[in-house]
Amino acid sequence: MTNGTEDSQAVRLRISNFQLRRPDGRGMFDELSASLGAGELMVIQGPNGVGKSSLLRAILGLWPHSSGKIDLRVSFDNDEIAYLPQQGQLQFFLPLTLGEVVELGAGSPRQTKEILAADFWDVQWDSASGGERQKALLTRIFRSPAALLILDEPFNHLDHESARALWGEMIASLQRGASVLLVAHGEEQRIPNELREKFPVKLLRLQGLQGRNAAAASLRIAEAPADEQVIDPHSRGASHE
């Protein structure tokens, strides 16, 4: 894997001295700085409730309680961002089939190895299982030409074969120069060797301000392989490119 020096135009997201706050003003995690460039994967880790999903919403301008700076260099206006929230935030009814959901707003979709098998395209959204809905939404995202893919726990509800297909689609997206921002719960330990060997992988480990020792213990997973960059969120002011 070749890291190289990031060109300023290749950086899709830069976070500088950023801290997320609850509506009452309390900080959720320590101040952090990080950047995500073209063809890079960033995996956000941390215990439940530390603010991983809220950080994604802040990046998208959907969480106003924060300090520091987020420089997002792509936009929804130009279809440059594809966002998958957690399914817990997607409890709605649609008079559509899963295939119609996949094709919503599709202009010239990219060719993909569909995560949602063709047999399920005629299933109604309202009667589909959580796994079938997740596969439909992921298939739709990976058919888009978006430059930045933001995925909040995309492995939820997926079986082993679908998870393998998801990793394959991430590799294809990185190969075309997309950036992938991923919230995961342990899946980062199963990153395929092909992805590790070809693309930069950054692990951003969030640590809550409350109960710091307990949070730190839960974050001692496996040591990052030599080809991964672990971003220390406590190094204030660093660019971490």
C-alpha atoms as a PDB file:
ATOM      1  CA  MET A   1       0.000   0.000   0.000  1.00  0.00           C
ATOM      2  CA  THR A   2       1.274   3.435  -0.881  1.00  0.00           C
ATOM      3  CA  ASN A   3       0.196   6.341   1.289  1.00  0.00           C
ATOM      4  CA  GLY A   4       1.846   9.191  -0.605  1.00  0.00           C
ATOM      5  CA  THR A   5       1.363  12.861   0.147  1.00  0.00           C
ATOM      6  CA  GLU A   6      -2.218  14.059   0.007  1.00  0.00           C
ATOM      7  CA  ASP A   7      -2.894  16.766  -2.548  1.00  0.00           C
ATOM      8  CA  SER A   8      -5.120  19.473  -1.087  1.00  0.00           C
ATOM      9  CA  GLN A   9      -7.707  18.838  -3.820  1.00  0.00           C
ATOM     10  CA  ALA A  10      -7.843  15.123  -2.966  1.00  0.00           C
ATOM     11  CA  VAL A  11      -8.908  15.749   0.636  1.00  0.00           C
ATOM     12  CA  ARG A  12     -12.682  15.316   0.872  1.00  0.00           C
ATOM     13  CA  LEU A  13     -13.026  15.903   4.613  1.00  0.00           C
ATOM     14  CA  ARG A  14     -10.879  17.667   7.184  1.00  0.00           C
ATOM     15  CA  ILE A  15     -11.774  17.836  10.889  1.00  0.00           C
ATOM     16  CA  SER A  16      -9.792  20.315  12.989  1.00  0.00           C
ATOM     17  CA  ASN A  17      -9.817  20.662  16.789  1.00  0.00           C
ATOM     18  CA  PHE A  18     -13.384  19.402  16.798  1.00  0.00           C
ATOM     19  CA  GLN A  19     -15.492  18.457  19.793  1.00  0.00           C
ATOM     20  CA  LEU A  20     -19.077  17.265  19.713  1.00  0.00           C
ATOM     21  CA  ARG A  21     -21.402  18.548  22.427  1.00  0.00           C
ATOM     22  CA  ARG A  22     -24.724  17.445  23.810  1.00  0.00           C
ATOM     23  CA  PRO A  23     -27.616  19.935  23.685  1.00  0.00           C
ATOM     24  CA  ASP A  24     -26.860  20.850  27.332  1.00  0.00           C
ATOM     25  CA  GLY A  25     -23.297  21.850  26.362  1.00  0.00           C
ATOM     26  CA  ARG A  26     -21.431  18.835  27.770  1.00  0.00           C
ATOM     27  CA  GLY A  27     -18.693  17.414  25.565  1.00  0.00           C
ATOM     28  CA  MET A  28     -19.216  13.891  24.196  1.00  0.00           C
ATOM     29  CA  PHE A  29     -15.581  13.019  23.444  1.00  0.00           C
ATOM     30  CA  ASP A  30     -12.164  14.634  23.455  1.00  0.00           C
ATOM     31  CA  GLU A  31     -11.214  17.166  20.808  1.00  0.00           C
ATOM     32  CA  LEU A  32     -10.029  15.513  17.595  1.00  0.00           C
ATOM     33  CA  SER A  33      -8.425  16.279  14.242  1.00  0.00           C
ATOM     34  CA  ALA A  34      -8.394  14.018  11.182  1.00  0.00           C
ATOM     35  CA  SER A  35      -8.634  14.047   7.408  1.00  0.00           C
ATOM     36  CA  LEU A  36     -10.019  11.720   4.746  1.00  0.00           C
ATOM     37  CA  GLY A  37      -8.766  11.760   1.182  1.00  0.00           C
ATOM     38  CA  ALA A  38      -9.656  10.156  -2.141  1.00  0.00           C
ATOM     39  CA  GLY A  39      -9.286   6.380  -2.127  1.00  0.00           C
ATOM     40  CA  GLU A  40      -9.117   6.183   1.684  1.00  0.00           C
ATOM     41  CA  LEU A  41     -11.175   4.283   4.248  1.00  0.00           C
ATOM     42  CA  MET A  42     -11.721   5.732   7.716  1.00  0.00           C
ATOM     43  CA  VAL A  43     -13.286   3.496  10.386  1.00  0.00           C
ATOM     44  CA  ILE A  44     -14.801   5.234  13.428  1.00  0.00           C
ATOM     45  CA  GLN A  45     -14.701   3.105  16.584  1.00  0.00           C
ATOM     46  CA  GLY A  46     -15.861   3.648  20.142  1.00  0.00           C
ATOM     47  CA  PRO A  47     -18.238   2.423  22.835  1.00  0.00           C
ATOM     48  CA  ASN A  48     -21.999   2.801  22.554  1.00  0.00           C
ATOM     49  CA  GLY A  49     -23.197   6.320  23.270  1.00  0.00           C
ATOM     50  CA  VAL A  50     -19.824   7.998  22.698  1.00  0.00           C
ATOM     51  CA  GLY A  51     -21.163   9.961  19.715  1.00  0.00           C
ATOM     52  CA  LYS A  52     -20.153   8.032  16.589  1.00  0.00           C
ATOM     53  CA  SER A  53     -23.467   8.523  14.779  1.00  0.00           C
ATOM     54  CA  SER A  54     -23.714  12.092  16.050  1.00  0.00           C
ATOM     55  CA  LEU A  55     -20.258  12.786  14.593  1.00  0.00           C
ATOM     56  CA  LEU A  56     -21.499  11.646  11.179  1.00  0.00           C
ATOM     57  CA  ARG A  57     -24.521  13.933  11.507  1.00  0.00           C
ATOM     58  CA  ALA A  58     -22.260  16.828  12.503  1.00  0.00           C
ATOM     59  CA  ILE A  59     -20.110  16.233   9.420  1.00  0.00           C
ATOM     60  CA  LEU A  60     -23.288  16.465   7.332  1.00  0.00           C
ATOM     61  CA  GLY A  61     -24.415  19.650   9.094  1.00  0.00           C
ATOM     62  CA  LEU A  62     -27.243  17.907  10.947  1.00  0.00           C
ATOM     63  CA  TRP A  63     -25.898  18.337  14.509  1.00  0.00           C
ATOM     64  CA  PRO A  64     -25.441  21.978  15.570  1.00  0.00           C
ATOM     65  CA  HIS A  65     -23.883  21.420  18.999  1.00  0.00           C
ATOM     66  CA  SER A  66     -20.126  21.452  18.483  1.00  0.00           C
ATOM     67  CA  SER A  67     -16.902  23.434  18.531  1.00  0.00           C
ATOM     68  CA  GLY A  68     -13.950  23.400  16.160  1.00  0.00           C
ATOM     69  CA  LYS A  69     -14.060  23.117  12.386  1.00  0.00           C
ATOM     70  CA  ILE A  70     -15.363  20.623   9.839  1.00  0.00           C
ATOM     71  CA  ASP A  71     -14.288  21.279   6.246  1.00  0.00           C
ATOM     72  CA  LEU A  72     -16.461  19.124   3.969  1.00  0.00           C
ATOM     73  CA  ARG A  73     -15.324  19.592   0.383  1.00  0.00           C
ATOM     74  CA  VAL A  74     -18.149  17.705  -1.340  1.00  0.00           C
ATOM     75  CA  SER A  75     -21.899  18.349  -1.210  1.00  0.00           C
ATOM     76  CA  PHE A  76     -25.309  16.726  -1.523  1.00  0.00           C
ATOM     77  CA  ASP A  77     -26.223  19.320  -4.158  1.00  0.00           C
ATOM     78  CA  ASN A  78     -23.959  17.687  -6.738  1.00  0.00           C
ATOM     79  CA  ASP A  79     -24.777  14.107  -5.667  1.00  0.00           C
ATOM     80  CA  GLU A  80     -21.251  13.834  -4.287  1.00  0.00           C
ATOM     81  CA  ILE A  81     -22.330  12.339  -0.936  1.00  0.00           C
ATOM     82  CA  ALA A  82     -24.144   9.065  -0.259  1.00  0.00           C
ATOM     83  CA  TYR A  83     -25.263   8.547   3.353  1.00  0.00           C
ATOM     84  CA  LEU A  84     -26.586   5.423   5.058  1.00  0.00           C
ATOM     85  CA  PRO A  85     -27.934   6.129   8.570  1.00  0.00           C
ATOM     86  CA  GLN A  86     -28.628   3.340  11.027  1.00  0.00           C
ATOM     87  CA  GLN A  87     -31.846   1.479  10.298  1.00  0.00           C
ATOM     88  CA  GLY A  88     -33.206   2.509  13.678  1.00  0.00           C
ATOM     89  CA  GLN A  89     -33.593   5.944  12.097  1.00  0.00           C
ATOM     90  CA  LEU A  90     -35.351   4.493   9.021  1.00  0.00           C
ATOM     91  CA  GLN A  91     -38.662   3.256  10.415  1.00  0.00           C
ATOM     92  CA  PHE A  92     -40.963   4.523   7.682  1.00  0.00           C
ATOM     93  CA  PHE A  93     -43.443   3.031   5.235  1.00  0.00           C
ATOM     94  CA  LEU A  94     -43.088   3.140   1.466  1.00  0.00           C
ATOM     95  CA  PRO A  95     -45.511   1.940  -1.222  1.00  0.00           C
ATOM     96  CA  LEU A  96     -42.519   0.704  -3.216  1.00  0.00           C
ATOM     97  CA  THR A  97     -40.682  -2.511  -3.936  1.00  0.00           C
ATOM     98  CA  LEU A  98     -37.066  -2.939  -2.871  1.00  0.00           C
ATOM     99  CA  GLY A  99     -36.033  -2.670  -6.518  1.00  0.00           C
ATOM    100  CA  GLU A 100     -37.840   0.654  -6.848  1.00  0.00           C
ATOM    101  CA  VAL A 101     -36.028   1.895  -3.732  1.00  0.00           C
ATOM    102  CA  VAL A 102     -32.711   0.881  -5.303  1.00  0.00           C
ATOM    103  CA  GLU A 103     -33.529   2.854  -8.445  1.00  0.00           C
ATOM    104  CA  LEU A 104     -34.894   6.000  -6.739  1.00  0.00           C
ATOM    105  CA  GLY A 105     -33.234   9.047  -8.265  1.00  0.00           C
ATOM    106  CA  ALA A 106     -30.871   6.909 -10.324  1.00  0.00           C
ATOM    107  CA  GLY A 107     -29.420   8.751 -13.270  1.00  0.00           C
ATOM    108  CA  SER A 108     -26.726   6.608 -14.861  1.00  0.00           C
ATOM    109  CA  PRO A 109     -26.094   3.993 -12.163  1.00  0.00           C
ATOM    110  CA  ARG A 110     -22.692   2.379 -11.832  1.00  0.00           C
ATOM    111  CA  GLN A 111     -22.414  -1.329 -12.518  1.00  0.00           C
ATOM    112  CA  THR A 112     -22.181  -3.210  -9.223  1.00  0.00           C
ATOM    113  CA  LYS A 113     -22.279  -6.726  -7.884  1.00  0.00           C
ATOM    114  CA  GLU A 114     -25.710  -6.212  -6.379  1.00  0.00           C
ATOM    115  CA  ILE A 115     -25.777  -6.747  -2.624  1.00  0.00           C
ATOM    116  CA  LEU A 116     -29.536  -7.256  -2.961  1.00  0.00           C
ATOM    117  CA  ALA A 117     -30.112 -10.379  -5.055  1.00  0.00           C
ATOM    118  CA  ALA A 118     -32.457 -10.037  -8.041  1.00  0.00           C
ATOM    119  CA  ASP A 119     -34.935 -12.460  -6.416  1.00  0.00           C
ATOM    120  CA  PHE A 120     -35.774  -9.796  -3.814  1.00  0.00           C
ATOM    121  CA  TRP A 121     -36.282  -6.784  -6.084  1.00  0.00           C
ATOM    122  CA  ASP A 122     -40.058  -7.355  -6.257  1.00  0.00           C
ATOM    123  CA  VAL A 123     -40.483  -7.634  -2.475  1.00  0.00           C
ATOM    124  CA  GLN A 124     -42.482  -4.759  -0.975  1.00  0.00           C
ATOM    125  CA  TRP A 125     -40.477  -2.449   1.296  1.00  0.00           C
ATOM    126  CA  ASP A 126     -43.160  -2.614   3.997  1.00  0.00           C
ATOM    127  CA  SER A 127     -43.012  -6.427   4.188  1.00  0.00           C
ATOM    128  CA  ALA A 128     -39.237  -6.800   3.788  1.00  0.00           C
ATOM    129  CA  SER A 129     -36.976  -7.864   6.637  1.00  0.00           C
ATOM    130  CA  GLY A 130     -34.371  -5.565   8.167  1.00  0.00           C
ATOM    131  CA  GLY A 131     -31.633  -7.382   6.254  1.00  0.00           C
ATOM    132  CA  GLU A 132     -33.461  -7.053   2.921  1.00  0.00           C
ATOM    133  CA  ARG A 133     -34.028  -3.342   3.477  1.00  0.00           C
ATOM    134  CA  GLN A 134     -30.372  -2.852   4.419  1.00  0.00           C
ATOM    135  CA  LYS A 135     -29.229  -4.643   1.256  1.00  0.00           C
ATOM    136  CA  ALA A 136     -31.532  -2.503  -0.895  1.00  0.00           C
ATOM    137  CA  LEU A 137     -30.227   0.739   0.606  1.00  0.00           C
ATOM    138  CA  LEU A 138     -26.603  -0.399   0.264  1.00  0.00           C
ATOM    139  CA  THR A 139     -27.131  -1.462  -3.344  1.00  0.00           C
ATOM    140  CA  ARG A 140     -28.592   1.966  -4.078  1.00  0.00           C
ATOM    141  CA  ILE A 141     -25.614   3.722  -2.462  1.00  0.00           C
ATOM    142  CA  PHE A 142     -22.988   1.721  -4.329  1.00  0.00           C
ATOM    143  CA  ARG A 143     -24.752   2.288  -7.660  1.00  0.00           C
ATOM    144  CA  SER A 144     -24.292   6.035  -7.176  1.00  0.00           C
ATOM    145  CA  PRO A 145     -21.206   7.939  -8.406  1.00  0.00           C
ATOM    146  CA  ALA A 146     -20.784   9.691  -5.032  1.00  0.00           C
ATOM    147  CA  ALA A 147     -17.265  10.782  -4.089  1.00  0.00           C
ATOM    148  CA  LEU A 148     -17.890  10.333  -0.342  1.00  0.00           C
ATOM    149  CA  LEU A 149     -19.736   7.338   1.122  1.00  0.00           C
ATOM    150  CA  ILE A 150     -20.816   7.727   4.767  1.00  0.00           C
ATOM    151  CA  LEU A 151     -21.996   4.421   6.233  1.00  0.00           C
ATOM    152  CA  ASP A 152     -23.333   4.140   9.781  1.00  0.00           C
ATOM    153  CA  GLU A 153     -23.022   0.492  10.881  1.00  0.00           C
ATOM    154  CA  PRO A 154     -23.757  -0.912   7.405  1.00  0.00           C
ATOM    155  CA  PHE A 155     -23.068  -4.505   8.511  1.00  0.00           C
ATOM    156  CA  ASN A 156     -26.161  -4.523  10.745  1.00  0.00           C
ATOM    157  CA  HIS A 157     -28.675  -7.215   9.663  1.00  0.00           C
ATOM    158  CA  LEU A 158     -26.291  -8.675   7.050  1.00  0.00           C
ATOM    159  CA  ASP A 159     -25.400 -12.346   6.719  1.00  0.00           C
ATOM    160  CA  HIS A 160     -21.850 -13.507   6.018  1.00  0.00           C
ATOM    161  CA  GLU A 161     -22.190 -13.564   2.219  1.00  0.00           C
ATOM    162  CA  SER A 162     -23.777 -10.108   2.139  1.00  0.00           C
ATOM    163  CA  ALA A 163     -21.015  -8.758   4.371  1.00  0.00           C
ATOM    164  CA  ARG A 164     -18.427 -10.120   1.917  1.00  0.00           C
ATOM    165  CA  ALA A 165     -20.301  -8.437  -0.934  1.00  0.00           C
ATOM    166  CA  LEU A 166     -20.291  -5.176   1.024  1.00  0.00           C
ATOM    167  CA  TRP A 167     -16.507  -5.304   1.469  1.00  0.00           C
ATOM    168  CA  GLY A 168     -16.229  -5.982  -2.266  1.00  0.00           C
ATOM    169  CA  GLU A 169     -18.282  -2.901  -3.080  1.00  0.00           C
ATOM    170  CA  MET A 170     -16.143  -0.787  -0.742  1.00  0.00           C
ATOM    171  CA  ILE A 171     -13.021  -1.996  -2.547  1.00  0.00           C
ATOM    172  CA  ALA A 172     -14.584  -1.109  -5.921  1.00  0.00           C
ATOM    173  CA  SER A 173     -15.524   2.342  -4.613  1.00  0.00           C
ATOM    174  CA  LEU A 174     -12.010   2.984  -3.314  1.00  0.00           C
ATOM    175  CA  GLN A 175     -10.577   1.847  -6.636  1.00  0.00           C
ATOM    176  CA  ARG A 176     -12.564   4.530  -8.480  1.00  0.00           C
ATOM    177  CA  GLY A 177     -11.251   7.144  -6.024  1.00  0.00           C
ATOM    178  CA  ALA A 178     -14.200   7.447  -3.636  1.00  0.00           C
ATOM    179  CA  SER A 179     -13.658   8.066   0.082  1.00  0.00           C
ATOM    180  CA  VAL A 180     -15.418   5.801   2.593  1.00  0.00           C
ATOM    181  CA  LEU A 181     -16.294   6.848   6.164  1.00  0.00           C
ATOM    182  CA  LEU A 182     -17.528   3.889   8.177  1.00  0.00           C
ATOM    183  CA  VAL A 183     -18.875   3.405  11.704  1.00  0.00           C
ATOM    184  CA  ALA A 184     -18.255  -0.190  12.760  1.00  0.00           C
ATOM    185  CA  HIS A 185     -18.496  -2.500  15.783  1.00  0.00           C
ATOM    186  CA  GLY A 186     -15.664  -4.971  15.329  1.00  0.00           C
ATOM    187  CA  GLU A 187     -15.969  -5.380  11.564  1.00  0.00           C
ATOM    188  CA  GLU A 188     -12.704  -3.462  11.142  1.00  0.00           C
ATOM    189  CA  GLN A 189     -10.943  -6.610  12.382  1.00  0.00           C
ATOM    190  CA  ARG A 190     -12.239  -8.435   9.287  1.00  0.00           C
ATOM    191  CA  ILE A 191     -11.061  -5.946   6.671  1.00  0.00           C
ATOM    192  CA  PRO A 192     -10.063  -8.038   3.630  1.00  0.00           C
ATOM    193  CA  ASN A 193      -6.347  -8.296   2.888  1.00  0.00           C
ATOM    194  CA  GLU A 194      -6.985  -6.929  -0.605  1.00  0.00           C
ATOM    195  CA  LEU A 195      -8.294  -3.699   0.886  1.00  0.00           C
ATOM    196  CA  ARG A 196      -5.516  -3.430   3.489  1.00  0.00           C
ATOM    197  CA  GLU A 197      -2.816  -3.964   0.877  1.00  0.00           C
ATOM    198  CA  LYS A 198      -4.103  -1.484  -1.716  1.00  0.00           C
ATOM    199  CA  PHE A 199      -5.664   1.411   0.189  1.00  0.00           C
ATOM    200  CA  PRO A 200      -4.935   3.594   3.225  1.00  0.00           C
ATOM    201  CA  VAL A 201      -7.006   2.585   6.254  1.00  0.00           C
ATOM    202  CA  LYS A 202      -7.437   5.046   9.138  1.00  0.00           C
ATOM    203  CA  LEU A 203      -8.896   4.016  12.506  1.00  0.00           C
ATOM    204  CA  LEU A 204     -10.458   6.879  14.469  1.00  0.00           C
ATOM    205  CA  ARG A 205     -11.041   5.734  18.043  1.00  0.00           C
ATOM    206  CA  LEU A 206     -13.411   7.939  20.021  1.00  0.00           C
ATOM    207  CA  GLN A 207     -13.183   7.947  23.812  1.00  0.00           C
ATOM    208  CA  GLY A 208     -15.934   9.335  25.983  1.00  0.00           C
ATOM    209  CA  LEU A 209     -15.195  12.056  28.511  1.00  0.00           C
ATOM    210  CA  GLN A 210     -17.154  10.231  31.211  1.00  0.00           C
ATOM    211  CA  GLY A 211     -15.789   6.969  32.605  1.00  0.00           C
ATOM    212  CA  ARG A 212     -12.604   7.332  30.578  1.00  0.00           C
ATOM    213  CA  ASN A 213     -10.864   4.255  32.009  1.00  0.00           C
ATOM    214  CA  ALA A 214     -13.802   1.975  31.203  1.00  0.00           C
ATOM    215  CA  ALA A 215     -14.084   3.403  27.703  1.00  0.00           C
ATOM    216  CA  ALA A 216     -10.369   2.994  27.082  1.00  0.00           C
ATOM    217  CA  ALA A 217     -10.483  -0.651  28.156  1.00  0.00           C
ATOM    218  CA  SER A 218     -13.282  -1.368  25.694  1.00  0.00           C
ATOM    219  CA  LEU A 219     -11.180   0.100  22.903  1.00  0.00           C
ATOM    220  CA  ARG A 220      -8.201  -2.229  23.364  1.00  0.00           C
ATOM    221  CA  ILE A 221      -9.026  -4.451  20.404  1.00  0.00           C
ATOM    222  CA  ALA A 222      -6.228  -5.878  18.248  1.00  0.00           C
ATOM    223  CA  GLU A 223      -3.161  -3.818  17.478  1.00  0.00           C
ATOM    224  CA  ALA A 224      -3.552  -2.099  14.122  1.00  0.00           C
ATOM    225  CA  PRO A 225      -1.565  -3.755  11.304  1.00  0.00           C
ATOM    226  CA  ALA A 226       1.476  -1.875  10.059  1.00  0.00           C
ATOM    227  CA  ASP A 227      -0.383  -0.595   6.992  1.00  0.00           C
ATOM    228  CA  GLU A 228      -3.106   1.096   9.019  1.00  0.00           C
ATOM    229  CA  GLN A 229      -2.953   4.573  10.492  1.00  0.00           C
ATOM    230  CA  VAL A 230      -4.416   4.891  13.966  1.00  0.00           C
ATOM    231  CA  ILE A 231      -5.585   8.440  14.606  1.00  0.00           C
ATOM    232  CA  ASP A 232      -5.100   9.534  18.191  1.00  0.00           C
ATOM    233  CA  PRO A 233      -8.048  11.871  18.850  1.00  0.00           C
ATOM    234  CA  HIS A 234      -6.188  13.361  21.827  1.00  0.00           C
ATOM    235  CA  SER A 235      -3.406  14.882  19.705  1.00  0.00           C
ATOM    236  CA  ARG A 236      -4.808  18.352  19.523  1.00  0.00           C
ATOM    237  CA  GLY A 237      -4.246  20.371  16.410  1.00  0.00           C
ATOM    238  CA  ALA A 238      -2.630  17.577  14.392  1.00  0.00           C
ATOM    239  CA  SER A 239      -3.759  17.089  10.814  1.00  0.00           C
ATOM    240  CA  HIS A 240      -3.280  13.270  10.780  1.00  0.00           C
ATOM    241  CA  GLU A 241      -3.029  12.951   7.023  1.00  0.00           C
END
